[in-house]
Amino acid sequence: MEYKVVYFHPDVKDIDGASGAASQLEVLINKYAFEGWEYYRMEGMRVELIPTGCNAIGKQNQQHQTKNLQLVVFRK
């Protein structure tokens, strides 16, 4: 079995609310279904952003940032 994991961040306006997010998720699921992928589930993941390269210059004491991601998992 193959899996594909896709980052999902709905761009929702106040007037759209939860139905706007659901609609964007539906579009994403249908797009991958057309390519032969079956929606499996949605997962949350916390990642720690660590400054590196040019962005890290002068930021040695800067704390790492944590971000919560929503990932959509498909399978074949």
Protein backbone atom coordinates (compact mmCIF):
# COMPACT_ATOMS: atom_id res chain seq x y z
CA MET A 1 0.00 0.00 0.00
CA GLU A 2 1.19 3.54 -0.82
CA TYR A 3 0.52 6.66 1.23
CA LYS A 4 0.60 10.34 0.33
CA VAL A 5 0.59 13.06 3.00
CA VAL A 6 -0.48 16.59 2.05
CA TYR A 7 -0.30 19.75 4.18
CA PHE A 8 -3.73 21.33 4.62
CA HIS A 9 -4.23 24.93 5.70
CA PRO A 10 -7.66 26.27 4.77
CA ASP A 11 -7.85 29.96 3.91
CA VAL A 12 -11.20 30.82 5.49
CA LYS A 13 -12.87 34.21 5.67
CA ASP A 14 -15.11 35.13 8.61
CA ILE A 15 -18.28 34.78 6.56
CA ASP A 16 -17.32 31.28 5.36
CA GLY A 17 -16.64 29.79 8.79
CA ALA A 18 -16.41 26.03 9.20
CA SER A 19 -18.31 25.38 5.97
CA GLY A 20 -15.56 27.21 4.06
CA ALA A 21 -12.89 24.99 5.57
CA ALA A 22 -14.99 21.88 4.90
CA SER A 23 -15.48 22.94 1.29
CA GLN A 24 -11.72 23.38 0.79
CA LEU A 25 -11.08 19.96 2.31
CA GLU A 26 -13.71 18.46 -0.01
CA VAL A 27 -11.97 19.99 -3.03
CA LEU A 28 -8.62 18.57 -1.89
CA ILE A 29 -10.07 15.09 -1.30
CA ASN A 30 -11.81 15.08 -4.70
CA LYS A 31 -8.62 16.24 -6.45
CA TYR A 32 -6.62 13.32 -5.10
CA ALA A 33 -9.51 10.87 -5.58
CA PHE A 34 -9.44 11.79 -9.28
CA GLU A 35 -5.74 10.78 -9.26
CA GLY A 36 -6.62 7.41 -7.69
CA TRP A 37 -5.91 8.23 -4.04
CA GLU A 38 -8.37 7.33 -1.28
CA TYR A 39 -8.81 9.69 1.66
CA TYR A 40 -7.58 7.87 4.76
CA ARG A 41 -7.54 10.40 7.62
CA MET A 42 -6.38 13.76 8.92
CA GLU A 43 -3.47 14.00 11.33
CA GLY A 44 -2.11 16.80 13.47
CA MET A 45 1.63 17.25 13.86
CA ARG A 46 3.69 19.69 15.92
CA VAL A 47 6.95 20.83 14.39
CA GLU A 48 9.73 22.89 15.92
CA LEU A 49 11.09 25.60 13.66
CA ILE A 50 14.82 26.07 14.26
CA PRO A 51 16.53 29.10 12.71
CA THR A 52 19.25 28.02 10.25
CA GLY A 53 21.47 29.51 7.57
CA CYS A 54 21.24 33.26 6.91
CA ASN A 55 18.08 33.47 9.02
CA ALA A 56 19.99 32.26 12.09
CA ILE A 57 22.71 34.94 12.01
CA GLY A 58 22.54 36.90 15.24
CA LYS A 59 19.64 34.78 16.51
CA GLN A 60 21.53 32.20 18.57
CA ASN A 61 19.53 33.10 21.68
CA GLN A 62 16.21 33.16 19.87
CA GLN A 63 13.82 30.49 21.06
CA HIS A 64 12.59 27.89 18.65
CA GLN A 65 9.05 28.32 17.39
CA THR A 66 6.48 25.57 17.49
CA LYS A 67 3.82 25.25 14.79
CA ASN A 68 0.84 22.90 14.58
CA LEU A 69 0.23 21.40 11.15
CA GLN A 70 -2.81 19.65 9.73
CA LEU A 71 -1.94 16.82 7.35
CA VAL A 72 -4.32 14.90 5.11
CA VAL A 73 -3.37 11.26 4.53
CA PHE A 74 -4.34 9.43 1.34
CA ARG A 75 -3.66 5.84 0.34
CA LYS A 76 -3.70 3.56 -2.70
